[in-house]
C-alpha cells in the first residue's frame, strides 16, 4: 500500500479541532479573535486565555 502524506500532516487532530471549534459559539469566538489580532500567535494566545 502506498504511503499517503495527507494522513500524516502536522497540526491538530480531529478531536482537538472539534473540542476547539465544535460549536457555532466556539467558532465565532475564534473568528473574532483572529480578526482582532494581526498575527496568528496573538490570536492563539487570546484563544488560550479564553479556554
PDB file of N, CA and C in Angstrom:
ATOM      1  N   UNK A   1       0.848  -1.183   0.000  1.00  0.00           N
ATOM      2  CA  UNK A   1       0.000   0.000   0.000  1.00  0.00           C
ATOM      3  C   UNK A   1       0.892   1.244   0.000  1.00  0.00           C
ATOM      4  N   UNK A   2       0.513   2.218  -0.764  1.00  0.00           N
ATOM      5  CA  UNK A   2       1.279   3.458  -0.874  1.00  0.00           C
ATOM      6  C   UNK A   2       1.142   4.309   0.384  1.00  0.00           C
ATOM      7  N   UNK A   3       2.177   5.070   0.677  1.00  0.00           N
ATOM      8  CA  UNK A   3       2.195   5.994   1.812  1.00  0.00           C
ATOM      9  C   UNK A   3       1.383   7.228   1.441  1.00  0.00           C
ATOM     10  N   UNK A   4       0.368   7.563   2.202  1.00  0.00           N
ATOM     11  CA  UNK A   4      -0.486   8.712   1.926  1.00  0.00           C
ATOM     12  C   UNK A   4      -0.086   9.854   2.855  1.00  0.00           C
ATOM     13  N   UNK A   5       0.566  10.886   2.316  1.00  0.00           N
ATOM     14  CA  UNK A   5       1.044  12.001   3.143  1.00  0.00           C
ATOM     15  C   UNK A   5      -0.082  12.823   3.742  1.00  0.00           C
ATOM     16  N   UNK A   6      -1.259  12.801   3.142  1.00  0.00           N
ATOM     17  CA  UNK A   6      -2.408  13.539   3.685  1.00  0.00           C
ATOM     18  C   UNK A   6      -2.742  13.028   5.079  1.00  0.00           C
ATOM     19  N   UNK A   7      -2.605  11.740   5.307  1.00  0.00           N
ATOM     20  CA  UNK A   7      -2.945  11.155   6.599  1.00  0.00           C
ATOM     21  C   UNK A   7      -1.951  11.523   7.692  1.00  0.00           C
ATOM     22  N   UNK A   8      -0.793  12.020   7.324  1.00  0.00           N
ATOM     23  CA  UNK A   8       0.265  12.271   8.299  1.00  0.00           C
ATOM     24  C   UNK A   8       0.690  13.735   8.342  1.00  0.00           C
ATOM     25  N   UNK A   9      -0.254  14.628   8.169  1.00  0.00           N
ATOM     26  CA  UNK A   9       0.042  16.054   8.219  1.00  0.00           C
ATOM     27  C   UNK A   9       0.184  16.518   9.666  1.00  0.00           C
ATOM     28  N   UNK A  10       1.029  17.530   9.858  1.00  0.00           N
ATOM     29  CA  UNK A  10       1.170  18.132  11.177  1.00  0.00           C
ATOM     30  C   UNK A  10      -0.030  19.035  11.437  1.00  0.00           C
ATOM     31  N   UNK A  11      -0.366  19.212  12.685  1.00  0.00           N
ATOM     32  CA  UNK A  11      -1.481  20.069  13.036  1.00  0.00           C
ATOM     33  C   UNK A  11      -2.338  19.417  14.098  1.00  0.00           C
ATOM     34  N   UNK A  12      -3.512  19.965  14.295  1.00  0.00           N
ATOM     35  CA  UNK A  12      -4.370  19.416  15.343  1.00  0.00           C
ATOM     36  C   UNK A  12      -5.156  18.215  14.837  1.00  0.00           C
ATOM     37  N   UNK A  13      -5.484  17.347  15.769  1.00  0.00           N
ATOM     38  CA  UNK A  13      -6.266  16.162  15.446  1.00  0.00           C
ATOM     39  C   UNK A  13      -7.735  16.546  15.286  1.00  0.00           C
ATOM     40  N   UNK A  14      -8.518  15.638  14.739  1.00  0.00           N
ATOM     41  CA  UNK A  14      -9.955  15.888  14.591  1.00  0.00           C
ATOM     42  C   UNK A  14     -10.610  16.099  15.953  1.00  0.00           C
ATOM     43  N   UNK A  15     -10.330  15.255  16.966  1.00  0.00           N
ATOM     44  CA  UNK A  15     -10.939  15.514  18.276  1.00  0.00           C
ATOM     45  C   UNK A  15     -10.547  16.875  18.866  1.00  0.00           C
ATOM     46  N   UNK A  16      -9.296  17.289  18.671  1.00  0.00           N
ATOM     47  CA  UNK A  16      -8.870  18.604  19.165  1.00  0.00           C
ATOM     48  C   UNK A  16      -9.593  19.720  18.412  1.00  0.00           C
ATOM     49  N   UNK A  17      -9.748  19.561  17.101  1.00  0.00           N
ATOM     50  CA  UNK A  17     -10.468  20.547  16.300  1.00  0.00           C
ATOM     51  C   UNK A  17     -11.912  20.681  16.781  1.00  0.00           C
ATOM     52  N   UNK A  18     -12.580  19.548  16.998  1.00  0.00           N
ATOM     53  CA  UNK A  18     -13.969  19.553  17.465  1.00  0.00           C
ATOM     54  C   UNK A  18     -14.062  20.198  18.845  1.00  0.00           C
ATOM     55  N   UNK A  19     -13.077  19.908  19.702  1.00  0.00           N
ATOM     56  CA  UNK A  19     -13.076  20.496  21.049  1.00  0.00           C
ATOM     57  C   UNK A  19     -12.949  22.018  20.992  1.00  0.00           C
ATOM     58  N   UNK A  20     -12.110  22.518  20.094  1.00  0.00           N
ATOM     59  CA  UNK A  20     -11.894  23.966  19.997  1.00  0.00           C
ATOM     60  C   UNK A  20     -12.971  24.701  19.219  1.00  0.00           C
ATOM     61  N   UNK A  21     -13.452  24.104  18.128  1.00  0.00           N
ATOM     62  CA  UNK A  21     -14.336  24.817  17.198  1.00  0.00           C
ATOM     63  C   UNK A  21     -15.641  24.081  16.928  1.00  0.00           C
ATOM     64  N   UNK A  22     -16.019  23.142  17.778  1.00  0.00           N
ATOM     65  CA  UNK A  22     -17.151  22.266  17.521  1.00  0.00           C
ATOM     66  C   UNK A  22     -18.523  22.908  17.573  1.00  0.00           C
ATOM     67  N   UNK A  23     -18.659  24.002  18.308  1.00  0.00           N
ATOM     68  CA  UNK A  23     -19.960  24.669  18.350  1.00  0.00           C
ATOM     69  C   UNK A  23     -19.893  25.979  17.575  1.00  0.00           C
ATOM     70  N   UNK A  24     -21.041  26.490  17.218  1.00  0.00           N
ATOM     71  CA  UNK A  24     -21.090  27.767  16.497  1.00  0.00           C
ATOM     72  C   UNK A  24     -20.488  28.882  17.353  1.00  0.00           C
ATOM     73  N   UNK A  25     -20.747  28.843  18.661  1.00  0.00           N
ATOM     74  CA  UNK A  25     -20.204  29.860  19.562  1.00  0.00           C
ATOM     75  C   UNK A  25     -18.674  29.801  19.613  1.00  0.00           C
ATOM     76  N   UNK A  26     -18.115  28.607  19.717  1.00  0.00           N
ATOM     77  CA  UNK A  26     -16.660  28.456  19.753  1.00  0.00           C
ATOM     78  C   UNK A  26     -16.045  28.951  18.451  1.00  0.00           C
ATOM     79  N   UNK A  27     -16.672  28.619  17.344  1.00  0.00           N
ATOM     80  CA  UNK A  27     -16.171  29.039  16.039  1.00  0.00           C
ATOM     81  C   UNK A  27     -16.211  30.565  15.906  1.00  0.00           C
ATOM     82  N   UNK A  28     -17.313  31.171  16.323  1.00  0.00           N
ATOM     83  CA  UNK A  28     -17.454  32.626  16.242  1.00  0.00           C
ATOM     84  C   UNK A  28     -16.405  33.322  17.102  1.00  0.00           C
ATOM     85  N   UNK A  29     -16.144  32.790  18.284  1.00  0.00           N
ATOM     86  CA  UNK A  29     -15.117  33.371  19.160  1.00  0.00           C
ATOM     87  C   UNK A  29     -13.735  33.298  18.503  1.00  0.00           C
ATOM     88  N   UNK A  30     -13.436  32.180  17.866  1.00  0.00           N
ATOM     89  CA  UNK A  30     -12.142  32.025  17.197  1.00  0.00           C
ATOM     90  C   UNK A  30     -12.006  33.014  16.042  1.00  0.00           C
ATOM     91  N   UNK A  31     -13.085  33.199  15.280  1.00  0.00           N
ATOM     92  CA  UNK A  31     -13.060  34.151  14.165  1.00  0.00           C
ATOM     93  C   UNK A  31     -12.856  35.566  14.693  1.00  0.00           C
ATOM     94  N   UNK A  32     -13.551  35.918  15.767  1.00  0.00           N
ATOM     95  CA  UNK A  32     -13.379  37.250  16.378  1.00  0.00           C
ATOM     96  C   UNK A  32     -11.950  37.455  16.830  1.00  0.00           C
ATOM     97  N   UNK A  33     -11.387  36.451  17.487  1.00  0.00           N
ATOM     98  CA  UNK A  33     -10.017  36.558  17.979  1.00  0.00           C
ATOM     99  C   UNK A  33      -9.044  36.763  16.824  1.00  0.00           C
ATOM    100  N   UNK A  34      -9.250  36.032  15.734  1.00  0.00           N
ATOM    101  CA  UNK A  34      -8.359  36.177  14.578  1.00  0.00           C
ATOM    102  C   UNK A  34      -8.522  37.553  13.933  1.00  0.00           C
ATOM    103  N   UNK A  35      -9.737  38.065  13.898  1.00  0.00           N
ATOM    104  CA  UNK A  35      -9.986  39.362  13.276  1.00  0.00           C
ATOM    105  C   UNK A  35      -9.391  40.503  14.100  1.00  0.00           C
ATOM    106  N   UNK A  36      -9.343  40.323  15.407  1.00  0.00           N
ATOM    107  CA  UNK A  36      -8.864  41.389  16.278  1.00  0.00           C
ATOM    108  C   UNK A  36      -7.344  41.448  16.403  1.00  0.00           C
ATOM    109  N   UNK A  37      -6.684  40.389  15.996  1.00  0.00           N
ATOM    110  CA  UNK A  37      -5.230  40.328  16.166  1.00  0.00           C
ATOM    111  C   UNK A  37      -4.535  40.271  14.819  1.00  0.00           C
ATOM    112  N   UNK A  38      -3.357  40.851  14.777  1.00  0.00           N
ATOM    113  CA  UNK A  38      -2.662  40.954  13.499  1.00  0.00           C
ATOM    114  C   UNK A  38      -1.814  39.734  13.186  1.00  0.00           C
ATOM    115  N   UNK A  39      -1.430  38.973  14.186  1.00  0.00           N
ATOM    116  CA  UNK A  39      -0.623  37.794  13.921  1.00  0.00           C
ATOM    117  C   UNK A  39      -1.300  36.558  14.468  1.00  0.00           C
ATOM    118  N   UNK A  40      -0.992  35.423  13.896  1.00  0.00           N
ATOM    119  CA  UNK A  40      -1.576  34.165  14.333  1.00  0.00           C
ATOM    120  C   UNK A  40      -1.204  33.882  15.779  1.00  0.00           C
ATOM    121  N   UNK A  41       0.033  34.163  16.176  1.00  0.00           N
ATOM    122  CA  UNK A  41       0.455  33.863  17.543  1.00  0.00           C
ATOM    123  C   UNK A  41      -0.349  34.673  18.558  1.00  0.00           C
ATOM    124  N   UNK A  42      -0.682  35.918  18.255  1.00  0.00           N
ATOM    125  CA  UNK A  42      -1.510  36.718  19.153  1.00  0.00           C
ATOM    126  C   UNK A  42      -2.910  36.122  19.258  1.00  0.00           C
ATOM    127  N   UNK A  43      -3.466  35.647  18.157  1.00  0.00           N
ATOM    128  CA  UNK A  43      -4.789  35.068  18.177  1.00  0.00           C
ATOM    129  C   UNK A  43      -4.804  33.767  18.978  1.00  0.00           C
ATOM    130  N   UNK A  44      -3.749  32.960  18.842  1.00  0.00           N
ATOM    131  CA  UNK A  44      -3.668  31.712  19.605  1.00  0.00           C
ATOM    132  C   UNK A  44      -3.601  32.017  21.093  1.00  0.00           C
ATOM    133  N   UNK A  45      -2.807  33.013  21.485  1.00  0.00           N
ATOM    134  CA  UNK A  45      -2.704  33.397  22.884  1.00  0.00           C
ATOM    135  C   UNK A  45      -4.064  33.861  23.402  1.00  0.00           C
ATOM    136  N   UNK A  46      -4.772  34.648  22.601  1.00  0.00           N
ATOM    137  CA  UNK A  46      -6.094  35.136  23.000  1.00  0.00           C
ATOM    138  C   UNK A  46      -7.068  33.970  23.149  1.00  0.00           C
ATOM    139  N   UNK A  47      -6.999  33.018  22.228  1.00  0.00           N
ATOM    140  CA  UNK A  47      -7.889  31.865  22.300  1.00  0.00           C
ATOM    141  C   UNK A  47      -7.609  31.047  23.553  1.00  0.00           C
ATOM    142  N   UNK A  48      -6.343  30.823  23.859  1.00  0.00           N
ATOM    143  CA  UNK A  48      -5.976  30.022  25.022  1.00  0.00           C
ATOM    144  C   UNK A  48      -6.361  30.727  26.319  1.00  0.00           C
ATOM    145  N   UNK A  49      -6.375  32.057  26.317  1.00  0.00           N
ATOM    146  CA  UNK A  49      -6.755  32.800  27.516  1.00  0.00           C
ATOM    147  C   UNK A  49      -8.233  32.609  27.833  1.00  0.00           C
ATOM    148  N   UNK A  50      -9.048  32.368  26.783  1.00  0.00           N
ATOM    149  CA  UNK A  50     -10.482  32.173  26.987  1.00  0.00           C
ATOM    150  C   UNK A  50     -10.839  30.711  27.264  1.00  0.00           C
ATOM    151  N   UNK A  51      -9.880  29.819  27.068  1.00  0.00           N
ATOM    152  CA  UNK A  51     -10.168  28.379  27.242  1.00  0.00           C
ATOM    153  C   UNK A  51     -10.220  27.983  28.705  1.00  0.00           C
TER     154      UNK A  51
END
